[in-house]
C-alpha atoms as a PDB file:
ATOM      1  CA  MET A   1      -2.247   7.088  31.046  1.00  0.00           C
ATOM      2  CA  LYS A   2      -2.129   9.872  28.757  1.00  0.00           C
ATOM      3  CA  LEU A   3       0.335   9.918  25.651  1.00  0.00           C
ATOM      4  CA  LEU A   4       1.469  12.679  23.305  1.00  0.00           C
ATOM      5  CA  PHE A   5       1.123  11.703  19.749  1.00  0.00           C
ATOM      6  CA  LYS A   6       3.161  14.214  17.773  1.00  0.00           C
ATOM      7  CA  GLN A   7       3.148  13.820  13.409  1.00  0.00           C
ATOM      8  CA  ARG A   8       7.145  14.253  12.566  1.00  0.00           C
ATOM      9  CA  PHE A   9       7.175  17.370  10.616  1.00  0.00           C
ATOM     10  CA  PHE A  10       8.953  16.598   7.612  1.00  0.00           C
ATOM     11  CA  SER A  11       8.778  12.964   6.595  1.00  0.00           C
ATOM     12  CA  TRP A  12       8.275  11.679   3.248  1.00  0.00           C
ATOM     13  CA  PHE A  13       6.070   9.143   4.647  1.00  0.00           C
ATOM     14  CA  ASP A  14       3.282   9.061   7.669  1.00  0.00           C
ATOM     15  CA  SER A  15       5.788   9.242  10.618  1.00  0.00           C
ATOM     16  CA  TYR A  16       4.923   9.738  14.298  1.00  0.00           C
ATOM     17  CA  ASP A  17       6.683  10.238  17.822  1.00  0.00           C
ATOM     18  CA  ILE A  18       4.463   8.810  21.314  1.00  0.00           C
ATOM     19  CA  TYR A  19       5.549  10.593  24.542  1.00  0.00           C
ATOM     20  CA  ASP A  20       4.663   9.125  27.898  1.00  0.00           C
ATOM     21  CA  GLU A  21       3.397  12.406  31.044  1.00  0.00           C
ATOM     22  CA  SER A  22       7.430  13.074  30.846  1.00  0.00           C
ATOM     23  CA  GLY A  23       8.257  13.480  27.790  1.00  0.00           C
ATOM     24  CA  ASN A  24       9.737  10.257  27.473  1.00  0.00           C
ATOM     25  CA  THR A  25       9.691   8.224  23.594  1.00  0.00           C
ATOM     26  CA  VAL A  26       7.250   5.240  24.431  1.00  0.00           C
ATOM     27  CA  TYR A  27       5.947   4.359  20.473  1.00  0.00           C
ATOM     28  CA  VAL A  28       7.973   5.446  17.475  1.00  0.00           C
ATOM     29  CA  VAL A  29       5.088   4.871  14.218  1.00  0.00           C
ATOM     30  CA  LYS A  30       7.397   4.396  10.798  1.00  0.00           C
ATOM     31  CA  GLY A  31       5.165   4.852   7.774  1.00  0.00           C
ATOM     32  CA  GLN A  32       6.093   2.318   4.776  1.00  0.00           C
ATOM     33  CA  LEU A  33       5.670   2.245   1.247  1.00  0.00           C
ATOM     34  CA  SER A  34       2.086   0.289  -0.182  1.00  0.00           C
ATOM     35  CA  TRP A  35      -0.663   0.340  -2.112  1.00  0.00           C
ATOM     36  CA  GLY A  36      -2.257   2.554   0.564  1.00  0.00           C
ATOM     37  CA  HIS A  37      -1.235   3.133   3.992  1.00  0.00           C
ATOM     38  CA  CYS A  38       0.856   0.619   6.142  1.00  0.00           C
ATOM     39  CA  LEU A  39       2.263   2.670   9.092  1.00  0.00           C
ATOM     40  CA  LYS A  40       4.301  -0.228  12.270  1.00  0.00           C
ATOM     41  CA  ILE A  41       4.763   0.748  15.015  1.00  0.00           C
ATOM     42  CA  PHE A  42       7.965  -0.001  17.519  1.00  0.00           C
ATOM     43  CA  ASP A  43       8.003  -0.068  21.587  1.00  0.00           C
ATOM     44  CA  ARG A  44      10.860   2.394  22.390  1.00  0.00           C
ATOM     45  CA  TYR A  45      13.598  -0.602  22.159  1.00  0.00           C
ATOM     46  CA  GLY A  46      13.092  -0.677  18.654  1.00  0.00           C
ATOM     47  CA  SER A  47      11.418  -4.089  18.099  1.00  0.00           C
ATOM     48  CA  GLU A  48       8.212  -4.305  16.121  1.00  0.00           C
ATOM     49  CA  ILE A  49       5.350  -4.100  18.399  1.00  0.00           C
ATOM     50  CA  GLY A  50       2.262  -3.534  15.654  1.00  0.00           C
ATOM     51  CA  THR A  51       1.182  -2.621  12.044  1.00  0.00           C
ATOM     52  CA  VAL A  52      -2.024  -1.013  11.281  1.00  0.00           C
ATOM     53  CA  LYS A  53      -2.510  -0.822   7.542  1.00  0.00           C
ATOM     54  CA  GLU A  54      -5.644   0.378   5.408  1.00  0.00           C
ATOM     55  CA  ARG A  55      -7.329  -2.183   2.807  1.00  0.00           C
ATOM     56  CA  VAL A  56      -8.464  -0.309  -0.655  1.00  0.00           C
ATOM     57  CA  LEU A  57     -11.163  -0.660  -3.040  1.00  0.00           C
ATOM     58  CA  THR A  58     -13.602  -0.810  -0.299  1.00  0.00           C
ATOM     59  CA  LEU A  59     -17.110   1.218  -0.151  1.00  0.00           C
ATOM     60  CA  LEU A  60     -16.013   3.277   3.102  1.00  0.00           C
ATOM     61  CA  PRO A  61     -12.748   3.433   4.753  1.00  0.00           C
ATOM     62  CA  LYS A  62     -11.166   0.412   6.886  1.00  0.00           C
ATOM     63  CA  PHE A  63      -7.850  -0.244   8.412  1.00  0.00           C
ATOM     64  CA  GLU A  64      -6.396  -3.995   9.126  1.00  0.00           C
ATOM     65  CA  ILE A  65      -4.442  -3.882  13.131  1.00  0.00           C
ATOM     66  CA  TYR A  66      -1.861  -6.545  14.051  1.00  0.00           C
ATOM     67  CA  GLU A  67      -0.717  -7.071  17.092  1.00  0.00           C
ATOM     68  CA  LYS A  68       2.984  -8.042  16.038  1.00  0.00           C
ATOM     69  CA  ASN A  69       2.209 -11.012  13.190  1.00  0.00           C
ATOM     70  CA  ASN A  70      -0.995 -11.393  14.403  1.00  0.00           C
ATOM     71  CA  TYR A  71      -4.652  -9.844  13.581  1.00  0.00           C
ATOM     72  CA  ILE A  72      -6.702  -8.745  15.779  1.00  0.00           C
ATOM     73  CA  GLY A  73      -8.897  -6.534  14.549  1.00  0.00           C
ATOM     74  CA  CYS A  74     -11.132  -4.578  11.891  1.00  0.00           C
ATOM     75  CA  ILE A  75     -11.677  -0.258  12.329  1.00  0.00           C
ATOM     76  CA  SER A  76     -14.359   0.854   9.419  1.00  0.00           C
ATOM     77  CA  LYS A  77     -15.496   4.425   9.421  1.00  0.00           C
ATOM     78  CA  GLU A  78     -19.800   4.495   8.991  1.00  0.00           C
ATOM     79  CA  PHE A  79     -21.615   6.451   6.958  1.00  0.00           C
ATOM     80  CA  THR A  80     -23.151   9.494   8.572  1.00  0.00           C
ATOM     81  CA  PHE A  81     -23.000  12.637   8.080  1.00  0.00           C
ATOM     82  CA  ILE A  82     -22.924  14.921  11.225  1.00  0.00           C
ATOM     83  CA  LYS A  83     -20.425  13.164  13.141  1.00  0.00           C
ATOM     84  CA  GLN A  84     -17.581  11.425  12.822  1.00  0.00           C
ATOM     85  CA  LYS A  85     -18.462   7.211  13.860  1.00  0.00           C
ATOM     86  CA  TYR A  86     -16.120   4.456  13.473  1.00  0.00           C
ATOM     87  CA  ASN A  87     -17.045   0.855  13.891  1.00  0.00           C
ATOM     88  CA  ILE A  88     -13.906  -1.426  15.959  1.00  0.00           C
ATOM     89  CA  ASP A  89     -13.929  -5.700  15.385  1.00  0.00           C
ATOM     90  CA  PHE A  90     -12.191  -5.530  18.612  1.00  0.00           C
ATOM     91  CA  ASN A  91     -13.073  -5.992  21.931  1.00  0.00           C
ATOM     92  CA  GLY A  92     -17.191  -4.599  21.119  1.00  0.00           C
ATOM     93  CA  TRP A  93     -15.353  -1.386  21.319  1.00  0.00           C
ATOM     94  CA  HIS A  94     -16.381   1.676  19.080  1.00  0.00           C
ATOM     95  CA  ILE A  95     -15.778   5.556  17.998  1.00  0.00           C
ATOM     96  CA  ASP A  96     -17.847   8.292  18.076  1.00  0.00           C
ATOM     97  CA  GLY A  97     -16.408  11.350  17.323  1.00  0.00           C
ATOM     98  CA  SER A  98     -17.117  15.787  17.333  1.00  0.00           C
ATOM     99  CA  PHE A  99     -18.261  17.295  14.465  1.00  0.00           C
ATOM    100  CA  MET A 100     -14.741  18.896  13.638  1.00  0.00           C
ATOM    101  CA  GLU A 101     -13.385  15.797  14.245  1.00  0.00           C
ATOM    102  CA  TRP A 102     -10.403  17.414  16.634  1.00  0.00           C
ATOM    103  CA  ASP A 103     -12.503  15.125  20.106  1.00  0.00           C
ATOM    104  CA  TYR A 104     -13.226  11.391  20.042  1.00  0.00           C
ATOM    105  CA  THR A 105     -14.034   9.058  22.428  1.00  0.00           C
ATOM    106  CA  ILE A 106     -13.608   4.940  22.821  1.00  0.00           C
ATOM    107  CA  VAL A 107     -16.140   3.061  24.411  1.00  0.00           C
ATOM    108  CA  ASP A 108     -16.749  -1.069  25.415  1.00  0.00           C
ATOM    109  CA  SER A 109     -19.798  -2.555  24.984  1.00  0.00           C
ATOM    110  CA  HIS A 110     -20.990  -1.746  28.168  1.00  0.00           C
ATOM    111  CA  GLY A 111     -20.661   1.896  27.487  1.00  0.00           C
ATOM    112  CA  ASN A 112     -17.037   2.172  29.865  1.00  0.00           C
ATOM    113  CA  LYS A 113     -14.965   4.598  28.094  1.00  0.00           C
ATOM    114  CA  ILE A 114     -11.681   3.315  26.944  1.00  0.00           C
ATOM    115  CA  ALA A 115      -9.636   6.281  26.405  1.00  0.00           C
ATOM    116  CA  GLU A 116     -10.242  10.229  25.147  1.00  0.00           C
ATOM    117  CA  ILE A 117      -8.386  11.298  21.907  1.00  0.00           C
ATOM    118  CA  SER A 118      -8.458  15.582  21.879  1.00  0.00           C
ATOM    119  CA  LYS A 119      -7.049  16.816  19.611  1.00  0.00           C
ATOM    120  CA  GLU A 120      -4.448  20.154  19.789  1.00  0.00           C
ATOM    121  CA  LEU A 121      -5.274  22.568  17.738  1.00  0.00           C
ATOM    122  CA  LEU A 122      -2.383  25.744  16.254  1.00  0.00           C
ATOM    123  CA  ARG A 123       0.369  23.120  16.207  1.00  0.00           C
ATOM    124  CA  MET A 124       2.258  22.832  12.945  1.00  0.00           C
ATOM    125  CA  THR A 125       1.177  19.201  12.519  1.00  0.00           C
ATOM    126  CA  ASP A 126      -0.879  16.225  13.537  1.00  0.00           C
ATOM    127  CA  THR A 127      -1.075  16.683  17.365  1.00  0.00           C
ATOM    128  CA  TYR A 128      -3.068  14.028  19.729  1.00  0.00           C
ATOM    129  CA  VAL A 129      -3.665  14.712  23.897  1.00  0.00           C
ATOM    130  CA  LEU A 130      -4.264  10.323  24.464  1.00  0.00           C
ATOM    131  CA  ASP A 131      -5.823  10.333  27.830  1.00  0.00           C
ATOM    132  CA  ILE A 132      -6.112   5.893  27.801  1.00  0.00           C
ATOM    133  CA  SER A 133      -8.277   4.536  30.787  1.00  0.00           C
ATOM    134  CA  LYS A 134      -6.279   1.570  31.370  1.00  0.00           C
ATOM    135  CA  PRO A 135      -2.464   1.527  30.689  1.00  0.00           C
ATOM    136  CA  GLU A 136      -3.269  -1.949  29.172  1.00  0.00           C
ATOM    137  CA  ASP A 137      -4.983  -0.513  26.661  1.00  0.00           C
ATOM    138  CA  ALA A 138      -2.392   2.532  25.167  1.00  0.00           C
ATOM    139  CA  LEU A 139      -1.206   0.414  22.117  1.00  0.00           C
ATOM    140  CA  TYR A 140      -5.032  -0.376  21.072  1.00  0.00           C
ATOM    141  CA  VAL A 141      -6.161   3.330  21.375  1.00  0.00           C
ATOM    142  CA  LEU A 142      -2.952   3.882  20.078  1.00  0.00           C
ATOM    143  CA  MET A 143      -3.454   2.042  16.512  1.00  0.00           C
ATOM    144  CA  PHE A 144      -6.880   3.163  16.111  1.00  0.00           C
ATOM    145  CA  VAL A 145      -6.101   6.866  16.477  1.00  0.00           C
ATOM    146  CA  LEU A 146      -3.083   6.029  13.559  1.00  0.00           C
ATOM    147  CA  ALA A 147      -5.882   5.068  11.018  1.00  0.00           C
ATOM    148  CA  ILE A 148      -8.477   7.825  11.810  1.00  0.00           C
ATOM    149  CA  ASP A 149      -5.595   9.736  11.490  1.00  0.00           C
ATOM    150  CA  ALA A 150      -4.409   7.976   8.364  1.00  0.00           C
ATOM    151  CA  GLU A 151      -8.631   8.152   6.816  1.00  0.00           C
ATOM    152  CA  LYS A 152      -8.730  12.240   8.230  1.00  0.00           C
ATOM    153  CA  CYS A 153      -5.055  12.907   5.842  1.00  0.00           C
ATOM    154  CA  SER A 154      -6.752  10.164   2.323  1.00  0.00           C
ATOM    155  CA  ARG A 155      -9.306  12.234   2.457  1.00  0.00           C
ATOM    156  CA  ASN A 156      -7.337  15.759   2.691  1.00  0.00           C
END
């Protein structure tokens, strides 16, 4: 399953549209006014289905992940010099990134690939392609990509 993740061009808060391979909107992400990033995820019918919320006052960036209102895990950046690396407190997953921070791979505790994420270059806004092995993991992969994008945004 492939999803196209596009940041909206003119928006006061972080907002994104996520499309399937046919160009249909699958998810809409809207940033909320808060201390730190807070991103609400809505399905195609407008129902809130998830939240990515930045923890503030931490040594390294951390984001809490909620499915509806239930806490399901946390993503935290590891201290590294060359490649970007993130730990996920969810199903034993972890994320490895490329040196230029354009490509990421999410794998489970056995090394099985959950998803590959690649940033499309030469775009006016952040645009990622999410290649997800199992459709039932799409929301979780999206949440982790949102956290990584928000972390990168905070650094710049």
